[in-house]
């Protein structure tokens, strides 16, 4: 039934608008590429975990080294989570519906995702990833010069301020939209 509606909808479109609308499918290879990139991150995670286990066997593991490796694992997981948000949220928002309603594994956030919500979620995820990198740098601060520490901190603060700006802008847009439709 849903396919019949879609076919009827597409049949009503003139050729140029139909081609423009169908062009969204050009993004499909990009999302498939991100899925491959996520596979690379899974591989990276297992390599880091194997490295951690081998360090434990050799008893060469200081508390700082353990913390740095674990933060590296967390970093890989957070980047992988970011990829999931981009792949699933982007596909749902820009390409085609996934039709996951009532699926037990449907992400909670997917039911109300749009381009604005996706931007805020991505900005928040980037802050989390940046925080992990900054923490790794500070734990191992003696390995970095002062200029690097300052620049990494400034970049992180820029991410935070950007995310706040994006979230505030989205809040204004959403409240304006709701006022217009009341």
N, C-alpha and C. Protein backbone atom coordinates (compact mmCIF):
# COMPACT_ATOMS: atom_id res chain seq x y z
N UNK A 1 0.82 -1.19 0.00
CA UNK A 1 0.00 0.00 0.00
C UNK A 1 0.86 1.25 0.00
N UNK A 2 1.90 1.26 0.81
CA UNK A 2 2.79 2.40 0.89
C UNK A 2 3.51 2.62 -0.45
N UNK A 3 3.89 1.51 -1.13
CA UNK A 3 4.55 1.61 -2.42
C UNK A 3 3.62 2.21 -3.46
N UNK A 4 2.33 1.88 -3.38
CA UNK A 4 1.36 2.44 -4.32
C UNK A 4 1.25 3.95 -4.14
N UNK A 5 1.23 4.40 -2.89
CA UNK A 5 1.18 5.85 -2.61
C UNK A 5 2.42 6.54 -3.17
N UNK A 6 3.58 5.92 -2.94
CA UNK A 6 4.83 6.52 -3.41
C UNK A 6 4.84 6.59 -4.93
N UNK A 7 4.40 5.51 -5.58
CA UNK A 7 4.37 5.49 -7.03
C UNK A 7 3.40 6.54 -7.56
N UNK A 8 2.24 6.66 -6.94
CA UNK A 8 1.27 7.67 -7.35
C UNK A 8 1.83 9.06 -7.15
N UNK A 9 2.54 9.26 -6.07
CA UNK A 9 3.17 10.56 -5.78
C UNK A 9 4.21 10.89 -6.85
N UNK A 10 5.06 9.93 -7.16
CA UNK A 10 6.10 10.17 -8.16
C UNK A 10 5.51 10.37 -9.54
N UNK A 11 4.42 9.68 -9.83
CA UNK A 11 3.77 9.80 -11.14
C UNK A 11 3.21 11.21 -11.33
N UNK A 12 2.76 11.87 -10.25
CA UNK A 12 2.21 13.21 -10.32
C UNK A 12 3.28 14.26 -10.57
N UNK A 13 4.53 13.97 -10.20
CA UNK A 13 5.61 14.94 -10.38
C UNK A 13 5.99 15.05 -11.86
N UNK A 14 6.29 16.26 -12.28
CA UNK A 14 6.80 16.47 -13.63
C UNK A 14 8.21 15.88 -13.68
N UNK A 15 8.75 15.65 -14.86
CA UNK A 15 10.06 14.98 -14.97
C UNK A 15 11.19 15.67 -14.21
N UNK A 16 11.35 16.98 -14.35
CA UNK A 16 12.47 17.65 -13.68
C UNK A 16 12.35 17.58 -12.16
N UNK A 17 11.19 17.93 -11.57
CA UNK A 17 11.08 17.77 -10.11
C UNK A 17 11.29 16.32 -9.65
N UNK A 18 10.84 15.37 -10.45
CA UNK A 18 11.03 13.95 -10.09
C UNK A 18 12.51 13.63 -10.06
N UNK A 19 13.28 14.09 -11.06
CA UNK A 19 14.73 13.84 -11.09
C UNK A 19 15.42 14.53 -9.93
N UNK A 20 15.00 15.75 -9.64
CA UNK A 20 15.59 16.48 -8.52
C UNK A 20 15.34 15.72 -7.22
N UNK A 21 14.09 15.25 -7.03
CA UNK A 21 13.75 14.51 -5.83
C UNK A 21 14.50 13.18 -5.77
N UNK A 22 14.64 12.51 -6.88
CA UNK A 22 15.35 11.22 -6.91
C UNK A 22 16.85 11.39 -6.67
N UNK A 23 17.38 12.62 -6.89
CA UNK A 23 18.82 12.83 -6.73
C UNK A 23 19.29 12.56 -5.31
N UNK A 24 18.34 12.52 -4.36
CA UNK A 24 18.72 12.24 -2.97
C UNK A 24 19.39 10.87 -2.86
N UNK A 25 19.09 9.97 -3.80
CA UNK A 25 19.67 8.62 -3.77
C UNK A 25 21.16 8.63 -4.14
N UNK A 26 21.65 9.75 -4.64
CA UNK A 26 23.09 9.85 -4.89
C UNK A 26 23.87 9.83 -3.58
N UNK A 27 23.19 10.09 -2.47
CA UNK A 27 23.85 10.04 -1.17
C UNK A 27 24.04 8.61 -0.66
N UNK A 28 23.32 7.66 -1.24
CA UNK A 28 23.41 6.26 -0.76
C UNK A 28 24.85 5.74 -0.73
N UNK A 29 25.65 5.94 -1.79
CA UNK A 29 27.04 5.45 -1.71
C UNK A 29 27.85 6.13 -0.60
N UNK A 30 27.50 7.38 -0.29
CA UNK A 30 28.21 8.07 0.80
C UNK A 30 27.93 7.40 2.14
N UNK A 31 26.67 7.05 2.38
CA UNK A 31 26.33 6.37 3.63
C UNK A 31 26.93 4.96 3.68
N UNK A 32 26.96 4.29 2.54
CA UNK A 32 27.60 2.97 2.50
C UNK A 32 29.09 3.11 2.83
N UNK A 33 29.72 4.17 2.31
CA UNK A 33 31.12 4.43 2.63
C UNK A 33 31.33 4.67 4.12
N UNK A 34 30.38 5.38 4.76
CA UNK A 34 30.48 5.59 6.21
C UNK A 34 30.34 4.27 6.97
N UNK A 35 29.52 3.37 6.46
CA UNK A 35 29.39 2.05 7.09
C UNK A 35 30.73 1.31 7.00
N UNK A 36 31.40 1.40 5.87
CA UNK A 36 32.73 0.80 5.72
C UNK A 36 33.71 1.45 6.70
N UNK A 37 33.63 2.79 6.83
CA UNK A 37 34.50 3.49 7.79
C UNK A 37 34.24 3.00 9.21
N UNK A 38 32.98 2.73 9.52
CA UNK A 38 32.67 2.21 10.84
C UNK A 38 33.30 0.83 11.04
N UNK A 39 33.31 0.03 9.99
CA UNK A 39 34.00 -1.27 10.06
C UNK A 39 35.48 -1.10 10.37
N UNK A 40 36.09 -0.06 9.80
CA UNK A 40 37.49 0.23 10.09
C UNK A 40 37.66 0.59 11.56
N UNK A 41 36.72 1.35 12.11
CA UNK A 41 36.79 1.70 13.54
C UNK A 41 36.60 0.48 14.43
N UNK A 42 35.77 -0.45 14.01
CA UNK A 42 35.63 -1.71 14.77
C UNK A 42 36.97 -2.44 14.79
N UNK A 43 37.63 -2.50 13.64
CA UNK A 43 38.95 -3.12 13.56
C UNK A 43 39.94 -2.40 14.48
N UNK A 44 39.93 -1.06 14.44
CA UNK A 44 40.81 -0.25 15.28
C UNK A 44 40.57 -0.55 16.76
N UNK A 45 39.29 -0.64 17.14
CA UNK A 45 38.95 -0.94 18.53
C UNK A 45 39.55 -2.27 18.97
N UNK A 46 39.39 -3.32 18.15
CA UNK A 46 39.91 -4.63 18.52
C UNK A 46 41.43 -4.66 18.56
N UNK A 47 42.06 -3.89 17.68
CA UNK A 47 43.53 -3.81 17.71
C UNK A 47 43.99 -3.13 19.01
N UNK A 48 43.32 -2.05 19.39
CA UNK A 48 43.66 -1.34 20.63
C UNK A 48 43.42 -2.23 21.86
N UNK A 49 42.31 -2.97 21.83
CA UNK A 49 42.00 -3.87 22.94
C UNK A 49 43.04 -4.99 23.04
N UNK A 50 43.44 -5.54 21.90
CA UNK A 50 44.50 -6.56 21.90
C UNK A 50 45.81 -5.98 22.43
N UNK A 51 46.10 -4.74 22.06
CA UNK A 51 47.30 -4.06 22.56
C UNK A 51 47.23 -3.91 24.08
N UNK A 52 46.07 -3.54 24.60
CA UNK A 52 45.88 -3.39 26.05
C UNK A 52 46.12 -4.73 26.76
N UNK A 53 45.55 -5.78 26.22
CA UNK A 53 45.71 -7.11 26.83
C UNK A 53 47.17 -7.54 26.80
N UNK A 54 47.86 -7.26 25.68
CA UNK A 54 49.28 -7.65 25.61
C UNK A 54 50.12 -6.84 26.60
N UNK A 55 49.74 -5.58 26.82
CA UNK A 55 50.45 -4.76 27.81
C UNK A 55 50.24 -5.32 29.22
N UNK A 56 49.06 -5.84 29.48
CA UNK A 56 48.77 -6.41 30.80
C UNK A 56 49.59 -7.68 31.02
N UNK A 57 49.74 -8.49 29.97
CA UNK A 57 50.51 -9.73 30.07
C UNK A 57 51.97 -9.44 30.36
N UNK A 58 52.48 -8.37 29.73
CA UNK A 58 53.89 -8.02 29.92
C UNK A 58 54.14 -7.25 31.20
N UNK A 59 53.09 -6.92 31.89
CA UNK A 59 53.17 -6.17 33.15
C UNK A 59 53.86 -4.82 32.96
N UNK A 60 53.75 -4.26 31.73
CA UNK A 60 54.34 -2.96 31.43
C UNK A 60 53.32 -1.84 31.58
N UNK A 61 52.25 -2.10 32.26
CA UNK A 61 51.13 -1.18 32.26
C UNK A 61 51.15 -0.28 33.48
N UNK A 62 51.46 1.00 33.25
CA UNK A 62 51.34 1.98 34.33
C UNK A 62 49.90 2.48 34.34
N UNK A 63 49.53 3.15 35.42
CA UNK A 63 48.16 3.68 35.50
C UNK A 63 47.91 4.69 34.39
N UNK A 64 48.89 5.51 34.08
CA UNK A 64 48.75 6.51 33.02
C UNK A 64 48.59 5.83 31.67
N UNK A 65 49.41 4.81 31.41
CA UNK A 65 49.31 4.09 30.14
C UNK A 65 47.95 3.41 30.01
N UNK A 66 47.47 2.80 31.10
CA UNK A 66 46.15 2.17 31.10
C UNK A 66 45.06 3.20 30.77
N UNK A 67 45.14 4.33 31.43
CA UNK A 67 44.14 5.38 31.21
C UNK A 67 44.15 5.85 29.76
N UNK A 68 45.33 6.02 29.19
CA UNK A 68 45.44 6.49 27.81
C UNK A 68 44.87 5.48 26.82
N UNK A 69 45.15 4.20 27.04
CA UNK A 69 44.62 3.17 26.14
C UNK A 69 43.09 3.09 26.29
N UNK A 70 42.59 3.12 27.51
CA UNK A 70 41.14 3.07 27.73
C UNK A 70 40.46 4.29 27.12
N UNK A 71 41.07 5.46 27.28
CA UNK A 71 40.51 6.66 26.64
C UNK A 71 40.52 6.53 25.12
N UNK A 72 41.54 5.88 24.59
CA UNK A 72 41.58 5.61 23.14
C UNK A 72 40.43 4.72 22.73
N UNK A 73 40.13 3.69 23.54
CA UNK A 73 38.98 2.81 23.25
C UNK A 73 37.67 3.59 23.31
N UNK A 74 37.53 4.43 24.32
CA UNK A 74 36.32 5.24 24.44
C UNK A 74 36.20 6.18 23.25
N UNK A 75 37.30 6.74 22.83
CA UNK A 75 37.31 7.63 21.67
C UNK A 75 36.80 6.91 20.42
N UNK A 76 37.29 5.70 20.19
CA UNK A 76 36.85 4.91 19.03
C UNK A 76 35.35 4.64 19.12
N UNK A 77 34.86 4.29 20.30
CA UNK A 77 33.43 4.03 20.48
C UNK A 77 32.61 5.29 20.22
N UNK A 78 33.08 6.42 20.72
CA UNK A 78 32.33 7.67 20.52
C UNK A 78 32.30 8.07 19.05
N UNK A 79 33.40 7.88 18.36
CA UNK A 79 33.41 8.18 16.93
C UNK A 79 32.49 7.22 16.19
N UNK A 80 32.48 5.97 16.60
CA UNK A 80 31.56 5.00 15.99
C UNK A 80 30.10 5.39 16.25
N UNK A 81 29.82 5.86 17.47
CA UNK A 81 28.46 6.34 17.78
C UNK A 81 28.10 7.53 16.89
N UNK A 82 29.06 8.42 16.68
CA UNK A 82 28.85 9.56 15.80
C UNK A 82 28.53 9.08 14.38
N UNK A 83 29.26 8.08 13.93
CA UNK A 83 28.98 7.52 12.60
C UNK A 83 27.57 6.95 12.52
N UNK A 84 27.13 6.25 13.57
CA UNK A 84 25.77 5.69 13.58
C UNK A 84 24.74 6.82 13.48
N UNK A 85 24.95 7.89 14.25
CA UNK A 85 24.02 9.02 14.20
C UNK A 85 23.96 9.62 12.80
N UNK A 86 25.12 9.78 12.17
CA UNK A 86 25.16 10.36 10.83
C UNK A 86 24.52 9.41 9.82
N UNK A 87 24.86 8.14 9.89
CA UNK A 87 24.34 7.17 8.92
C UNK A 87 22.82 7.03 9.06
N UNK A 88 22.37 6.69 10.25
CA UNK A 88 20.93 6.44 10.47
C UNK A 88 20.13 7.74 10.37
N UNK A 89 20.56 8.75 11.10
CA UNK A 89 19.83 10.02 11.09
C UNK A 89 19.87 10.70 9.74
N UNK A 90 21.02 10.68 9.09
CA UNK A 90 21.14 11.30 7.78
C UNK A 90 20.32 10.59 6.73
N UNK A 91 20.35 9.27 6.74
CA UNK A 91 19.55 8.49 5.79
C UNK A 91 18.07 8.80 5.99
N UNK A 92 17.64 8.74 7.25
CA UNK A 92 16.23 8.99 7.58
C UNK A 92 15.81 10.41 7.20
N UNK A 93 16.69 11.37 7.40
CA UNK A 93 16.36 12.77 7.15
C UNK A 93 16.47 13.15 5.67
N UNK A 94 17.49 12.66 5.00
CA UNK A 94 17.79 13.16 3.66
C UNK A 94 17.55 12.18 2.52
N UNK A 95 17.46 10.89 2.79
CA UNK A 95 17.33 9.92 1.69
C UNK A 95 15.96 9.27 1.69
N UNK A 96 15.67 8.47 2.71
CA UNK A 96 14.41 7.73 2.71
C UNK A 96 14.09 7.26 4.13
N UNK A 97 12.84 7.08 4.41
CA UNK A 97 12.41 6.58 5.72
C UNK A 97 12.91 5.15 5.90
N UNK A 98 13.30 4.85 7.12
CA UNK A 98 13.76 3.49 7.45
C UNK A 98 12.61 2.59 7.90
N UNK A 99 11.48 3.19 8.22
CA UNK A 99 10.29 2.45 8.68
C UNK A 99 10.61 1.53 9.86
N UNK A 100 11.17 2.10 10.90
CA UNK A 100 11.54 1.33 12.08
C UNK A 100 10.52 1.44 13.21
N UNK A 101 9.38 2.09 12.95
CA UNK A 101 8.38 2.25 14.01
C UNK A 101 8.01 0.87 14.57
N UNK A 102 7.94 0.82 15.88
CA UNK A 102 7.61 -0.40 16.64
C UNK A 102 8.69 -1.46 16.57
N UNK A 103 9.83 -1.17 15.98
CA UNK A 103 10.94 -2.12 16.01
C UNK A 103 11.58 -2.01 17.39
N UNK A 104 11.86 -3.12 18.05
CA UNK A 104 12.40 -3.05 19.42
C UNK A 104 13.75 -2.34 19.52
N UNK A 105 14.50 -2.27 18.44
CA UNK A 105 15.82 -1.64 18.47
C UNK A 105 15.83 -0.23 17.89
N UNK A 106 14.65 0.34 17.63
CA UNK A 106 14.62 1.69 17.07
C UNK A 106 15.23 2.67 18.06
N UNK A 107 16.22 3.45 17.62
CA UNK A 107 16.80 4.45 18.53
C UNK A 107 15.73 5.45 18.97
N UNK A 108 15.75 5.81 20.24
CA UNK A 108 14.74 6.73 20.80
C UNK A 108 14.75 8.06 20.07
N UNK A 109 15.91 8.56 19.72
CA UNK A 109 16.03 9.88 19.11
C UNK A 109 15.57 9.91 17.67
N UNK A 110 15.46 8.74 17.02
CA UNK A 110 15.15 8.72 15.59
C UNK A 110 13.73 9.19 15.30
N UNK A 111 12.83 9.00 16.25
CA UNK A 111 11.42 9.37 16.00
C UNK A 111 11.23 10.87 15.87
N UNK A 112 12.13 11.67 16.37
CA UNK A 112 11.98 13.12 16.27
C UNK A 112 13.22 13.78 15.65
N UNK A 113 13.90 13.04 14.77
CA UNK A 113 15.10 13.59 14.15
C UNK A 113 14.72 14.44 12.93
N UNK A 114 15.40 15.54 12.81
CA UNK A 114 15.34 16.36 11.60
C UNK A 114 16.73 16.96 11.44
N UNK A 115 16.92 17.77 10.42
CA UNK A 115 18.26 18.30 10.17
C UNK A 115 18.79 19.10 11.36
N UNK A 116 17.92 19.88 12.03
CA UNK A 116 18.34 20.68 13.18
C UNK A 116 18.73 19.83 14.37
N UNK A 117 17.90 18.86 14.68
CA UNK A 117 18.19 17.96 15.81
C UNK A 117 19.47 17.19 15.53
N UNK A 118 19.65 16.76 14.29
CA UNK A 118 20.85 16.02 13.92
C UNK A 118 22.10 16.87 14.10
N UNK A 119 22.02 18.16 13.73
CA UNK A 119 23.16 19.07 13.91
C UNK A 119 23.53 19.20 15.39
N UNK A 120 22.53 19.34 16.24
CA UNK A 120 22.79 19.50 17.67
C UNK A 120 23.41 18.22 18.23
N UNK A 121 22.86 17.07 17.85
CA UNK A 121 23.40 15.80 18.34
C UNK A 121 24.84 15.60 17.86
N UNK A 122 25.11 15.95 16.62
CA UNK A 122 26.47 15.81 16.09
C UNK A 122 27.43 16.74 16.81
N UNK A 123 26.99 17.98 17.04
CA UNK A 123 27.85 18.94 17.75
C UNK A 123 28.16 18.44 19.15
N UNK A 124 27.17 17.88 19.82
CA UNK A 124 27.37 17.34 21.16
C UNK A 124 28.34 16.16 21.13
N UNK A 125 28.19 15.29 20.13
CA UNK A 125 29.10 14.14 20.01
C UNK A 125 30.53 14.61 19.73
N UNK A 126 30.67 15.64 18.90
CA UNK A 126 32.00 16.16 18.60
C UNK A 126 32.65 16.74 19.87
N UNK A 127 31.86 17.39 20.71
CA UNK A 127 32.38 17.90 21.98
C UNK A 127 32.87 16.74 22.85
N UNK A 128 32.09 15.67 22.89
CA UNK A 128 32.51 14.50 23.67
C UNK A 128 33.83 13.92 23.17
N UNK A 129 33.95 13.82 21.86
CA UNK A 129 35.18 13.29 21.26
C UNK A 129 36.35 14.24 21.54
N UNK A 130 36.11 15.52 21.37
CA UNK A 130 37.14 16.52 21.66
C UNK A 130 37.55 16.47 23.13
N UNK A 131 36.58 16.26 24.02
CA UNK A 131 36.88 16.16 25.46
C UNK A 131 37.82 15.00 25.74
N UNK A 132 37.56 13.87 25.10
CA UNK A 132 38.42 12.70 25.28
C UNK A 132 39.84 13.01 24.80
N UNK A 133 39.94 13.64 23.63
CA UNK A 133 41.27 13.99 23.11
C UNK A 133 41.99 14.96 24.05
N UNK A 134 41.26 15.94 24.54
CA UNK A 134 41.86 16.92 25.45
C UNK A 134 42.30 16.25 26.75
N UNK A 135 41.47 15.36 27.27
CA UNK A 135 41.83 14.64 28.49
C UNK A 135 43.08 13.80 28.27
N UNK A 136 43.16 13.11 27.13
CA UNK A 136 44.35 12.33 26.81
C UNK A 136 45.58 13.23 26.76
N UNK A 137 45.43 14.41 26.19
CA UNK A 137 46.54 15.35 26.10
C UNK A 137 46.97 15.80 27.50
N UNK A 138 46.01 16.13 28.35
CA UNK A 138 46.35 16.61 29.69
C UNK A 138 46.95 15.52 30.55
N UNK A 139 46.50 14.29 30.38
CA UNK A 139 47.08 13.17 31.14
C UNK A 139 48.55 12.99 30.76
N UNK A 140 48.83 13.21 29.50
CA UNK A 140 50.18 13.04 28.98
C UNK A 140 50.80 14.39 28.62
N UNK A 141 50.49 15.43 29.39
CA UNK A 141 50.88 16.81 29.09
C UNK A 141 52.38 17.00 28.92
N UNK A 142 53.15 16.20 29.62
CA UNK A 142 54.61 16.37 29.53
C UNK A 142 55.13 16.05 28.12
N UNK A 143 54.37 15.33 27.33
CA UNK A 143 54.78 14.97 25.98
C UNK A 143 54.47 16.08 24.96
N UNK A 144 53.77 17.13 25.40
CA UNK A 144 53.35 18.20 24.49
C UNK A 144 53.95 19.53 24.92
N UNK A 145 54.14 20.40 23.94
CA UNK A 145 54.61 21.74 24.29
C UNK A 145 53.41 22.61 24.67
N UNK A 146 53.69 23.74 25.28
CA UNK A 146 52.64 24.63 25.79
C UNK A 146 51.74 25.13 24.66
N UNK A 147 52.33 25.40 23.51
CA UNK A 147 51.56 25.89 22.36
C UNK A 147 50.49 24.86 21.94
N UNK A 148 50.85 23.60 21.89
CA UNK A 148 49.91 22.54 21.53
C UNK A 148 48.78 22.46 22.55
N UNK A 149 49.12 22.52 23.83
CA UNK A 149 48.10 22.46 24.88
C UNK A 149 47.11 23.63 24.76
N UNK A 150 47.64 24.80 24.51
CA UNK A 150 46.77 25.98 24.38
C UNK A 150 45.87 25.85 23.17
N UNK A 151 46.45 25.46 22.02
CA UNK A 151 45.64 25.33 20.81
C UNK A 151 44.56 24.26 20.95
N UNK A 152 44.88 23.12 21.53
CA UNK A 152 43.87 22.07 21.71
C UNK A 152 42.75 22.57 22.62
N UNK A 153 43.10 23.31 23.66
CA UNK A 153 42.08 23.85 24.56
C UNK A 153 41.21 24.87 23.83
N UNK A 154 41.83 25.75 23.07
CA UNK A 154 41.06 26.75 22.31
C UNK A 154 40.14 26.11 21.28
N UNK A 155 40.63 25.09 20.62
CA UNK A 155 39.79 24.37 19.64
C UNK A 155 38.60 23.73 20.35
N UNK A 156 38.85 23.12 21.50
CA UNK A 156 37.75 22.51 22.26
C UNK A 156 36.73 23.56 22.69
N UNK A 157 37.19 24.68 23.20
CA UNK A 157 36.28 25.76 23.61
C UNK A 157 35.48 26.25 22.40
N UNK A 158 36.12 26.32 21.24
CA UNK A 158 35.41 26.71 20.01
C UNK A 158 34.31 25.72 19.69
N UNK A 159 34.59 24.42 19.84
CA UNK A 159 33.56 23.40 19.62
C UNK A 159 32.39 23.61 20.58
N UNK A 160 32.70 23.85 21.83
CA UNK A 160 31.64 24.05 22.84
C UNK A 160 30.79 25.26 22.48
N UNK A 161 31.44 26.39 22.18
CA UNK A 161 30.70 27.60 21.83
C UNK A 161 29.88 27.41 20.55
N UNK A 162 30.44 26.70 19.58
CA UNK A 162 29.70 26.42 18.35
C UNK A 162 28.46 25.58 18.63
N UNK A 163 28.61 24.56 19.48
CA UNK A 163 27.47 23.70 19.81
C UNK A 163 26.39 24.49 20.53
N UNK A 164 26.79 25.36 21.44
CA UNK A 164 25.82 26.20 22.15
C UNK A 164 25.09 27.09 21.14
N UNK A 165 25.82 27.67 20.21
CA UNK A 165 25.21 28.52 19.19
C UNK A 165 24.24 27.74 18.31
N UNK A 166 24.64 26.55 17.89
CA UNK A 166 23.77 25.72 17.06
C UNK A 166 22.51 25.34 17.83
N UNK A 167 22.67 24.92 19.09
CA UNK A 167 21.52 24.52 19.90
C UNK A 167 20.58 25.70 20.12
N UNK A 168 21.13 26.86 20.40
CA UNK A 168 20.30 28.06 20.63
C UNK A 168 19.57 28.44 19.34
N UNK A 169 20.25 28.41 18.22
CA UNK A 169 19.61 28.72 16.94
C UNK A 169 18.48 27.73 16.66
N UNK A 170 18.73 26.45 16.89
CA UNK A 170 17.68 25.45 16.67
C UNK A 170 16.49 25.66 17.61
N UNK A 171 16.76 26.08 18.84
CA UNK A 171 15.68 26.36 19.79
C UNK A 171 14.82 27.52 19.29
N UNK A 172 15.47 28.58 18.79
CA UNK A 172 14.73 29.72 18.25
C UNK A 172 13.89 29.29 17.04
N UNK A 173 14.49 28.53 16.14
CA UNK A 173 13.77 28.06 14.95
C UNK A 173 12.58 27.20 15.35
N UNK A 174 12.79 26.28 16.30
CA UNK A 174 11.70 25.39 16.73
C UNK A 174 10.58 26.17 17.40
N UNK A 175 10.92 27.13 18.24
CA UNK A 175 9.87 27.89 18.92
C UNK A 175 9.12 28.76 17.93
N UNK A 176 9.81 29.32 16.92
CA UNK A 176 9.14 30.11 15.88
C UNK A 176 8.20 29.22 15.07
N UNK A 177 8.66 28.02 14.74
CA UNK A 177 7.85 27.07 13.98
C UNK A 177 6.60 26.69 14.76
N UNK A 178 6.74 26.41 16.06
CA UNK A 178 5.60 26.02 16.88
C UNK A 178 4.60 27.17 17.03
N UNK A 179 5.09 28.39 17.16
CA UNK A 179 4.20 29.55 17.27
C UNK A 179 3.41 29.74 16.01
N UNK A 180 4.04 29.52 14.84
CA UNK A 180 3.34 29.68 13.56
C UNK A 180 2.25 28.63 13.38
N UNK A 181 2.45 27.44 13.93
CA UNK A 181 1.52 26.33 13.72
C UNK A 181 0.57 26.09 14.87
N UNK A 182 0.42 27.08 15.71
CA UNK A 182 -0.54 26.93 16.84
C UNK A 182 -1.87 27.50 16.47
